[in-house]
Amino acid sequence: MNINGATALVTGANRGIGRHLAAQLAERGAKVYATARRPESIDLDGVEVLALDITDPDSVAAVTHEARDVDLLVNNAGIGGGTLLGDLDSVRATMDVNFWGTLSMIRSFAPVLADNGGGAILNIASSASWFVFPGASAYAVSKAAVWSMGNALRQELAGQGTRLTSVHLGAADTDMTKGLDVPKMTAADVARAALDGVEAEAFEVVVDEFTEMVKASLSKDPREFAIRFRSTARVDATRGTHCSSCTSM
């Protein structure tokens, strides 16, 4: 897909990876709808700002009606989460945003994309689609669901000519990873790799070496990955996991 001349909508465009996605889309010549639950928190030039809560059906419907010219849907909005055996409301909230919210956006915009020639969808997933970081099992389950959903929708949307790219990364330097003692890539680099993947019509974009290693481990005995991860990561029950060499495991 050629981003120059496209019309994109980015969820969660007020900070982190989403902000860089919206900015770089505009730099590449796209018309950009930048959305967030608090639209006043978006401080980008050259974009059209819209209020959007992807967990609210009325909000999703209103934005879909407003942005009828979209041919690139960027599903970036997401939240972290605790453990599956922890607070159940937190687990539900994680799934509501990361899985159900993303699916709601795709279901609402699929007819729009079809009307505009098919277009493309970009889902920001995670290396956590394929492994569980200690203390973040709800997040991992939600991102595994996003990955599987993308694989399924890629087939379901093929008939209308809509392509879907799933982006997987380790830790980026964003608000979500504050306090994590792990190597982090810049949000700008993640956005650049993701948009390059859209233009290349890639099924998946694996951004960093750590995520490449995680994905490669899926074809092996899962015990091997668990041993390897424990050998390079120090788990502290009160502070989480501190990984000294996650990108070279």
C-alpha atoms as a PDB file:
ATOM      1  CA  MET A   1       0.000   0.000   0.000  1.00  0.00           C
ATOM      2  CA  ASN A   2       1.265   3.440  -0.860  1.00  0.00           C
ATOM      3  CA  ILE A   3       0.920   5.628   2.245  1.00  0.00           C
ATOM      4  CA  ASN A   4       1.401   8.821   0.250  1.00  0.00           C
ATOM      5  CA  GLY A   5      -2.146   9.866  -0.609  1.00  0.00           C
ATOM      6  CA  ALA A   6      -3.784   7.409   1.801  1.00  0.00           C
ATOM      7  CA  THR A   7      -6.249   8.391   4.520  1.00  0.00           C
ATOM      8  CA  ALA A   8      -5.368   6.872   7.894  1.00  0.00           C
ATOM      9  CA  LEU A   9      -7.049   6.730  11.275  1.00  0.00           C
ATOM     10  CA  VAL A  10      -4.849   6.084  14.319  1.00  0.00           C
ATOM     11  CA  THR A  11      -6.238   5.053  17.705  1.00  0.00           C
ATOM     12  CA  GLY A  12      -4.385   6.115  20.832  1.00  0.00           C
ATOM     13  CA  ALA A  13      -2.557   8.860  18.939  1.00  0.00           C
ATOM     14  CA  ASN A  14      -1.913  11.108  21.923  1.00  0.00           C
ATOM     15  CA  ARG A  15       1.337   9.507  23.107  1.00  0.00           C
ATOM     16  CA  GLY A  16       3.941   6.788  22.605  1.00  0.00           C
ATOM     17  CA  ILE A  17       3.899   4.679  19.481  1.00  0.00           C
ATOM     18  CA  GLY A  18       0.503   6.006  18.404  1.00  0.00           C
ATOM     19  CA  ARG A  19       1.703   9.597  18.401  1.00  0.00           C
ATOM     20  CA  HIS A  20       4.712   8.677  16.284  1.00  0.00           C
ATOM     21  CA  LEU A  21       2.533   6.646  13.910  1.00  0.00           C
ATOM     22  CA  ALA A  22       0.233   9.618  13.341  1.00  0.00           C
ATOM     23  CA  ALA A  23       3.144  12.033  12.880  1.00  0.00           C
ATOM     24  CA  GLN A  24       5.035   9.762  10.480  1.00  0.00           C
ATOM     25  CA  LEU A  25       1.902   9.021   8.461  1.00  0.00           C
ATOM     26  CA  ALA A  26       1.455  12.749   7.931  1.00  0.00           C
ATOM     27  CA  GLU A  27       5.128  13.094   7.014  1.00  0.00           C
ATOM     28  CA  ARG A  28       4.695  10.332   4.412  1.00  0.00           C
ATOM     29  CA  GLY A  29       1.847  12.201   2.751  1.00  0.00           C
ATOM     30  CA  ALA A  30      -1.248  10.665   4.322  1.00  0.00           C
ATOM     31  CA  LYS A  31      -4.319  12.454   5.565  1.00  0.00           C
ATOM     32  CA  VAL A  32      -4.509  11.509   9.244  1.00  0.00           C
ATOM     33  CA  TYR A  33      -7.334  11.244  11.740  1.00  0.00           C
ATOM     34  CA  ALA A  34      -5.609  11.210  15.148  1.00  0.00           C
ATOM     35  CA  THR A  35      -7.893   9.882  17.864  1.00  0.00           C
ATOM     36  CA  ALA A  36      -7.844   9.511  21.631  1.00  0.00           C
ATOM     37  CA  ARG A  37     -10.277   9.347  24.531  1.00  0.00           C
ATOM     38  CA  ARG A  38      -9.082  12.838  25.462  1.00  0.00           C
ATOM     39  CA  PRO A  39      -8.624  14.598  22.117  1.00  0.00           C
ATOM     40  CA  GLU A  40      -7.232  17.698  23.827  1.00  0.00           C
ATOM     41  CA  SER A  41      -4.149  15.617  24.715  1.00  0.00           C
ATOM     42  CA  ILE A  42      -3.152  15.307  21.024  1.00  0.00           C
ATOM     43  CA  ASP A  43      -0.545  17.950  20.181  1.00  0.00           C
ATOM     44  CA  LEU A  44       0.256  17.172  16.548  1.00  0.00           C
ATOM     45  CA  ASP A  45       0.155  19.541  13.603  1.00  0.00           C
ATOM     46  CA  GLY A  46      -1.263  18.525  10.247  1.00  0.00           C
ATOM     47  CA  VAL A  47      -3.803  15.996  11.574  1.00  0.00           C
ATOM     48  CA  GLU A  48      -7.553  16.010  12.169  1.00  0.00           C
ATOM     49  CA  VAL A  49      -8.275  15.268  15.828  1.00  0.00           C
ATOM     50  CA  LEU A  50     -11.275  13.160  16.839  1.00  0.00           C
ATOM     51  CA  ALA A  51     -12.522  11.907  20.208  1.00  0.00           C
ATOM     52  CA  LEU A  52     -12.692   8.111  20.373  1.00  0.00           C
ATOM     53  CA  ASP A  53     -13.163   5.478  23.065  1.00  0.00           C
ATOM     54  CA  ILE A  54     -12.768   2.131  21.324  1.00  0.00           C
ATOM     55  CA  THR A  55     -14.686   0.353  24.115  1.00  0.00           C
ATOM     56  CA  ASP A  56     -17.780   2.546  23.544  1.00  0.00           C
ATOM     57  CA  PRO A  57     -19.926   1.370  20.591  1.00  0.00           C
ATOM     58  CA  ASP A  58     -21.525   4.802  20.184  1.00  0.00           C
ATOM     59  CA  SER A  59     -18.098   6.476  20.046  1.00  0.00           C
ATOM     60  CA  VAL A  60     -16.846   3.956  17.487  1.00  0.00           C
ATOM     61  CA  ALA A  61     -19.967   4.454  15.355  1.00  0.00           C
ATOM     62  CA  ALA A  62     -19.627   8.250  15.480  1.00  0.00           C
ATOM     63  CA  VAL A  63     -15.991   8.187  14.371  1.00  0.00           C
ATOM     64  CA  THR A  64     -16.762   5.687  11.618  1.00  0.00           C
ATOM     65  CA  HIS A  65     -19.468   8.020  10.308  1.00  0.00           C
ATOM     66  CA  GLU A  66     -17.090  10.993  10.471  1.00  0.00           C
ATOM     67  CA  ALA A  67     -14.142   9.286   8.770  1.00  0.00           C
ATOM     68  CA  ARG A  68     -15.788   7.670   5.741  1.00  0.00           C
ATOM     69  CA  ASP A  69     -12.702   8.190   3.572  1.00  0.00           C
ATOM     70  CA  VAL A  70     -10.335   5.999   5.622  1.00  0.00           C
ATOM     71  CA  ASP A  71      -8.379   3.346   3.731  1.00  0.00           C
ATOM     72  CA  LEU A  72      -5.788   2.617   6.447  1.00  0.00           C
ATOM     73  CA  LEU A  73      -6.984   1.712   9.941  1.00  0.00           C
ATOM     74  CA  VAL A  74      -4.227   1.750  12.581  1.00  0.00           C
ATOM     75  CA  ASN A  75      -5.225  -0.060  15.779  1.00  0.00           C
ATOM     76  CA  ASN A  76      -2.681   1.157  18.300  1.00  0.00           C
ATOM     77  CA  ALA A  77      -4.732   1.889  21.442  1.00  0.00           C
ATOM     78  CA  GLY A  78      -4.057  -0.556  24.245  1.00  0.00           C
ATOM     79  CA  ILE A  79      -3.495  -0.909  27.977  1.00  0.00           C
ATOM     80  CA  GLY A  80      -1.378  -3.097  30.227  1.00  0.00           C
ATOM     81  CA  GLY A  81      -2.827  -5.574  32.675  1.00  0.00           C
ATOM     82  CA  GLY A  82      -2.092  -7.601  35.760  1.00  0.00           C
ATOM     83  CA  THR A  83      -2.292 -11.309  36.350  1.00  0.00           C
ATOM     84  CA  LEU A  84      -5.101 -13.670  35.422  1.00  0.00           C
ATOM     85  CA  LEU A  85      -5.494 -14.726  39.044  1.00  0.00           C
ATOM     86  CA  GLY A  86      -5.431 -11.125  40.264  1.00  0.00           C
ATOM     87  CA  ASP A  87      -8.179  -8.533  40.041  1.00  0.00           C
ATOM     88  CA  LEU A  88     -10.765  -9.822  37.593  1.00  0.00           C
ATOM     89  CA  ASP A  89     -12.029  -6.360  36.682  1.00  0.00           C
ATOM     90  CA  SER A  90      -8.493  -5.500  35.538  1.00  0.00           C
ATOM     91  CA  VAL A  91      -8.361  -8.629  33.384  1.00  0.00           C
ATOM     92  CA  ARG A  92     -11.705  -7.760  31.802  1.00  0.00           C
ATOM     93  CA  ALA A  93     -10.593  -4.173  31.167  1.00  0.00           C
ATOM     94  CA  THR A  94      -7.449  -5.394  29.408  1.00  0.00           C
ATOM     95  CA  MET A  95      -9.452  -7.677  27.135  1.00  0.00           C
ATOM     96  CA  ASP A  96     -12.104  -4.993  26.556  1.00  0.00           C
ATOM     97  CA  VAL A  97      -9.527  -2.542  25.216  1.00  0.00           C
ATOM     98  CA  ASN A  98      -6.884  -4.715  23.573  1.00  0.00           C
ATOM     99  CA  PHE A  99      -9.107  -7.388  22.018  1.00  0.00           C
ATOM    100  CA  TRP A 100     -12.750  -6.331  21.957  1.00  0.00           C
ATOM    101  CA  GLY A 101     -11.974  -2.672  21.273  1.00  0.00           C
ATOM    102  CA  THR A 102      -9.670  -3.555  18.391  1.00  0.00           C
ATOM    103  CA  LEU A 103     -12.222  -5.990  16.961  1.00  0.00           C
ATOM    104  CA  SER A 104     -14.961  -3.384  17.313  1.00  0.00           C
ATOM    105  CA  MET A 105     -12.930  -0.916  15.250  1.00  0.00           C
ATOM    106  CA  ILE A 106     -12.257  -3.480  12.534  1.00  0.00           C
ATOM    107  CA  ARG A 107     -15.885  -4.605  12.361  1.00  0.00           C
ATOM    108  CA  SER A 108     -17.057  -0.985  12.098  1.00  0.00           C
ATOM    109  CA  PHE A 109     -14.484   0.122   9.524  1.00  0.00           C
ATOM    110  CA  ALA A 110     -14.444  -3.018   7.349  1.00  0.00           C
ATOM    111  CA  PRO A 111     -17.305  -1.730   5.148  1.00  0.00           C
ATOM    112  CA  VAL A 112     -15.582   1.669   4.890  1.00  0.00           C
ATOM    113  CA  LEU A 113     -12.352   0.032   3.743  1.00  0.00           C
ATOM    114  CA  ALA A 114     -14.289  -2.058   1.224  1.00  0.00           C
ATOM    115  CA  ASP A 115     -15.994   1.046  -0.171  1.00  0.00           C
ATOM    116  CA  ASN A 116     -12.583   2.685  -0.543  1.00  0.00           C
ATOM    117  CA  GLY A 117     -10.986  -0.136  -2.510  1.00  0.00           C
ATOM    118  CA  GLY A 118      -9.941  -2.507   0.278  1.00  0.00           C
ATOM    119  CA  GLY A 119      -7.138  -0.640   1.957  1.00  0.00           C
ATOM    120  CA  ALA A 120      -5.234  -2.000   4.931  1.00  0.00           C
ATOM    121  CA  ILE A 121      -5.312  -2.559   8.675  1.00  0.00           C
ATOM    122  CA  LEU A 122      -2.315  -2.231  10.989  1.00  0.00           C
ATOM    123  CA  ASN A 123      -2.583  -3.895  14.406  1.00  0.00           C
ATOM    124  CA  ILE A 124       0.027  -3.133  17.065  1.00  0.00           C
ATOM    125  CA  ALA A 125       0.511  -6.450  18.866  1.00  0.00           C
ATOM    126  CA  SER A 126       3.539  -7.493  20.933  1.00  0.00           C
ATOM    127  CA  SER A 127       6.214 -10.082  21.581  1.00  0.00           C
ATOM    128  CA  ALA A 128       3.823 -10.916  24.430  1.00  0.00           C
ATOM    129  CA  SER A 129       1.589 -12.496  21.784  1.00  0.00           C
ATOM    130  CA  TRP A 130       4.011 -15.428  22.042  1.00  0.00           C
ATOM    131  CA  PHE A 131       5.274 -15.459  25.644  1.00  0.00           C
ATOM    132  CA  VAL A 132       4.223 -14.292  29.096  1.00  0.00           C
ATOM    133  CA  PHE A 133       6.220 -11.610  30.879  1.00  0.00           C
ATOM    134  CA  PRO A 134       5.979 -12.235  34.651  1.00  0.00           C
ATOM    135  CA  GLY A 135       3.227 -10.150  36.217  1.00  0.00           C
ATOM    136  CA  ALA A 136       1.570  -9.341  32.875  1.00  0.00           C
ATOM    137  CA  SER A 137      -0.354 -12.484  32.016  1.00  0.00           C
ATOM    138  CA  ALA A 138      -3.612 -10.652  31.226  1.00  0.00           C
ATOM    139  CA  TYR A 139      -1.765  -8.436  28.760  1.00  0.00           C
ATOM    140  CA  ALA A 140      -0.121 -11.476  27.154  1.00  0.00           C
ATOM    141  CA  VAL A 141      -3.456 -13.239  26.713  1.00  0.00           C
ATOM    142  CA  SER A 142      -4.982 -10.123  25.153  1.00  0.00           C
ATOM    143  CA  LYS A 143      -2.097  -9.706  22.694  1.00  0.00           C
ATOM    144  CA  ALA A 144      -2.143 -13.409  21.797  1.00  0.00           C
ATOM    145  CA  ALA A 145      -5.809 -12.884  20.977  1.00  0.00           C
ATOM    146  CA  VAL A 146      -4.957  -9.847  18.819  1.00  0.00           C
ATOM    147  CA  TRP A 147      -2.404 -11.911  16.887  1.00  0.00           C
ATOM    148  CA  SER A 148      -4.835 -14.804  16.333  1.00  0.00           C
ATOM    149  CA  MET A 149      -7.613 -12.368  15.424  1.00  0.00           C
ATOM    150  CA  GLY A 150      -5.371 -10.814  12.814  1.00  0.00           C
ATOM    151  CA  ASN A 151      -4.628 -14.194  11.253  1.00  0.00           C
ATOM    152  CA  ALA A 152      -8.350 -14.963  11.087  1.00  0.00           C
ATOM    153  CA  LEU A 153      -9.417 -11.563   9.767  1.00  0.00           C
ATOM    154  CA  ARG A 154      -6.687 -11.598   7.134  1.00  0.00           C
ATOM    155  CA  GLN A 155      -8.606 -14.495   5.580  1.00  0.00           C
ATOM    156  CA  GLU A 156     -12.071 -13.055   6.168  1.00  0.00           C
ATOM    157  CA  LEU A 157     -11.172  -9.676   4.655  1.00  0.00           C
ATOM    158  CA  ALA A 158      -9.221 -11.002   1.674  1.00  0.00           C
ATOM    159  CA  GLY A 159     -12.328 -11.092  -0.481  1.00  0.00           C
ATOM    160  CA  GLN A 160     -12.769  -7.317  -0.219  1.00  0.00           C
ATOM    161  CA  GLY A 161      -9.083  -6.682  -0.853  1.00  0.00           C
ATOM    162  CA  THR A 162      -8.197  -5.541   2.670  1.00  0.00           C
ATOM    163  CA  ARG A 163      -4.685  -6.386   3.853  1.00  0.00           C
ATOM    164  CA  LEU A 164      -3.741  -6.784   7.506  1.00  0.00           C
ATOM    165  CA  THR A 165      -0.323  -6.292   9.080  1.00  0.00           C
ATOM    166  CA  SER A 166       0.441  -7.349  12.646  1.00  0.00           C
ATOM    167  CA  VAL A 167       3.346  -5.650  14.447  1.00  0.00           C
ATOM    168  CA  HIS A 168       5.270  -7.422  17.208  1.00  0.00           C
ATOM    169  CA  LEU A 169       7.905  -5.844  19.418  1.00  0.00           C
ATOM    170  CA  GLY A 170       9.586  -6.139  22.767  1.00  0.00           C
ATOM    171  CA  ALA A 171       9.853  -3.085  25.002  1.00  0.00           C
ATOM    172  CA  ALA A 172       9.549   0.402  23.547  1.00  0.00           C
ATOM    173  CA  ASP A 173      10.306   3.539  25.511  1.00  0.00           C
ATOM    174  CA  THR A 174       6.729   4.555  26.342  1.00  0.00           C
ATOM    175  CA  ASP A 175       4.646   5.316  29.422  1.00  0.00           C
ATOM    176  CA  MET A 176       3.587   1.651  29.589  1.00  0.00           C
ATOM    177  CA  THR A 177       7.176   0.480  30.160  1.00  0.00           C
ATOM    178  CA  LYS A 178       8.227   3.104  32.702  1.00  0.00           C
ATOM    179  CA  GLY A 179      10.020   1.391  35.567  1.00  0.00           C
ATOM    180  CA  LEU A 180      10.953  -1.704  33.564  1.00  0.00           C
ATOM    181  CA  ASP A 181      14.696  -2.335  33.646  1.00  0.00           C
ATOM    182  CA  VAL A 182      14.936  -3.765  30.119  1.00  0.00           C
ATOM    183  CA  PRO A 183      16.474  -2.625  26.834  1.00  0.00           C
ATOM    184  CA  LYS A 184      14.008  -0.385  24.997  1.00  0.00           C
ATOM    185  CA  MET A 185      13.747   0.786  21.412  1.00  0.00           C
ATOM    186  CA  THR A 186      12.384   4.201  20.557  1.00  0.00           C
ATOM    187  CA  ALA A 187       8.697   4.595  19.742  1.00  0.00           C
ATOM    188  CA  ALA A 188       9.741   6.405  16.551  1.00  0.00           C
ATOM    189  CA  ASP A 189      11.695   3.355  15.357  1.00  0.00           C
ATOM    190  CA  VAL A 190       8.735   1.077  16.050  1.00  0.00           C
ATOM    191  CA  ALA A 191       6.400   3.368  14.088  1.00  0.00           C
ATOM    192  CA  ARG A 192       8.842   3.523  11.179  1.00  0.00           C
ATOM    193  CA  ALA A 193       9.147  -0.275  11.000  1.00  0.00           C
ATOM    194  CA  ALA A 194       5.376  -0.686  11.233  1.00  0.00           C
ATOM    195  CA  LEU A 195       4.653   1.731   8.389  1.00  0.00           C
ATOM    196  CA  ASP A 196       7.392   0.195   6.253  1.00  0.00           C
ATOM    197  CA  GLY A 197       5.577  -3.106   6.784  1.00  0.00           C
ATOM    198  CA  VAL A 198       2.287  -1.621   5.599  1.00  0.00           C
ATOM    199  CA  GLU A 199       3.927  -0.308   2.442  1.00  0.00           C
ATOM    200  CA  ALA A 200       5.546  -3.728   1.853  1.00  0.00           C
ATOM    201  CA  GLU A 201       2.149  -5.429   2.450  1.00  0.00           C
ATOM    202  CA  ALA A 202       3.768  -7.646   5.098  1.00  0.00           C
ATOM    203  CA  PHE A 203       1.637 -10.060   7.093  1.00  0.00           C
ATOM    204  CA  GLU A 204       3.810  -9.552  10.178  1.00  0.00           C
ATOM    205  CA  VAL A 205       6.470  -7.082  11.249  1.00  0.00           C
ATOM    206  CA  VAL A 206       8.872  -8.418  13.879  1.00  0.00           C
ATOM    207  CA  VAL A 207      10.670  -5.299  15.051  1.00  0.00           C
ATOM    208  CA  ASP A 208      13.594  -6.446  17.200  1.00  0.00           C
ATOM    209  CA  GLU A 209      15.954  -9.351  17.865  1.00  0.00           C
ATOM    210  CA  PHE A 210      14.294 -10.335  21.137  1.00  0.00           C
ATOM    211  CA  THR A 211      10.919 -10.738  19.430  1.00  0.00           C
ATOM    212  CA  GLU A 212      12.547 -12.711  16.607  1.00  0.00           C
ATOM    213  CA  MET A 213      13.950 -15.077  19.218  1.00  0.00           C
ATOM    214  CA  VAL A 214      10.585 -15.406  20.952  1.00  0.00           C
ATOM    215  CA  LYS A 215       8.796 -16.242  17.714  1.00  0.00           C
ATOM    216  CA  ALA A 216      11.478 -18.754  16.680  1.00  0.00           C
ATOM    217  CA  SER A 217      11.038 -20.516  20.023  1.00  0.00           C
ATOM    218  CA  LEU A 218       7.429 -21.433  19.164  1.00  0.00           C
ATOM    219  CA  SER A 219       8.580 -24.317  16.970  1.00  0.00           C
ATOM    220  CA  LYS A 220      10.668 -25.771  19.800  1.00  0.00           C
ATOM    221  CA  ASP A 221      10.005 -27.347  23.178  1.00  0.00           C
ATOM    222  CA  PRO A 222       8.508 -24.512  25.287  1.00  0.00           C
ATOM    223  CA  ARG A 223      10.633 -25.644  28.222  1.00  0.00           C
ATOM    224  CA  GLU A 224      13.733 -24.530  26.333  1.00  0.00           C
ATOM    225  CA  PHE A 225      12.457 -20.950  26.125  1.00  0.00           C
ATOM    226  CA  ALA A 226      11.422 -20.946  29.792  1.00  0.00           C
ATOM    227  CA  ILE A 227      14.896 -22.039  30.878  1.00  0.00           C
ATOM    228  CA  ARG A 228      16.557 -19.530  28.572  1.00  0.00           C
ATOM    229  CA  PHE A 229      14.365 -16.669  29.759  1.00  0.00           C
ATOM    230  CA  ARG A 230      14.966 -17.473  33.436  1.00  0.00           C
ATOM    231  CA  SER A 231      18.713 -17.626  32.860  1.00  0.00           C
ATOM    232  CA  THR A 232      18.838 -14.027  31.632  1.00  0.00           C
ATOM    233  CA  ALA A 233      16.022 -12.436  33.628  1.00  0.00           C
ATOM    234  CA  ARG A 234      15.873 -11.855  37.372  1.00  0.00           C
ATOM    235  CA  VAL A 235      12.346 -12.043  38.770  1.00  0.00           C
ATOM    236  CA  ASP A 236      11.640  -9.966  41.855  1.00  0.00           C
ATOM    237  CA  ALA A 237       8.215 -10.637  43.343  1.00  0.00           C
ATOM    238  CA  THR A 238       7.811  -7.037  44.446  1.00  0.00           C
ATOM    239  CA  ARG A 239       9.366  -5.164  41.522  1.00  0.00           C
ATOM    240  CA  GLY A 240       8.759  -7.385  38.503  1.00  0.00           C
ATOM    241  CA  THR A 241      11.370  -8.721  36.103  1.00  0.00           C
ATOM    242  CA  HIS A 242      14.755  -7.179  35.419  1.00  0.00           C
ATOM    243  CA  CYS A 243      16.321  -8.457  32.215  1.00  0.00           C
ATOM    244  CA  SER A 244      19.941  -7.601  31.607  1.00  0.00           C
ATOM    245  CA  SER A 245      20.192  -8.965  28.073  1.00  0.00           C
ATOM    246  CA  CYS A 246      16.688  -9.611  26.762  1.00  0.00           C
ATOM    247  CA  THR A 247      17.552  -8.504  23.231  1.00  0.00           C
ATOM    248  CA  SER A 248      20.299 -11.109  22.905  1.00  0.00           C
ATOM    249  CA  MET A 249      18.753 -14.110  24.619  1.00  0.00           C
END
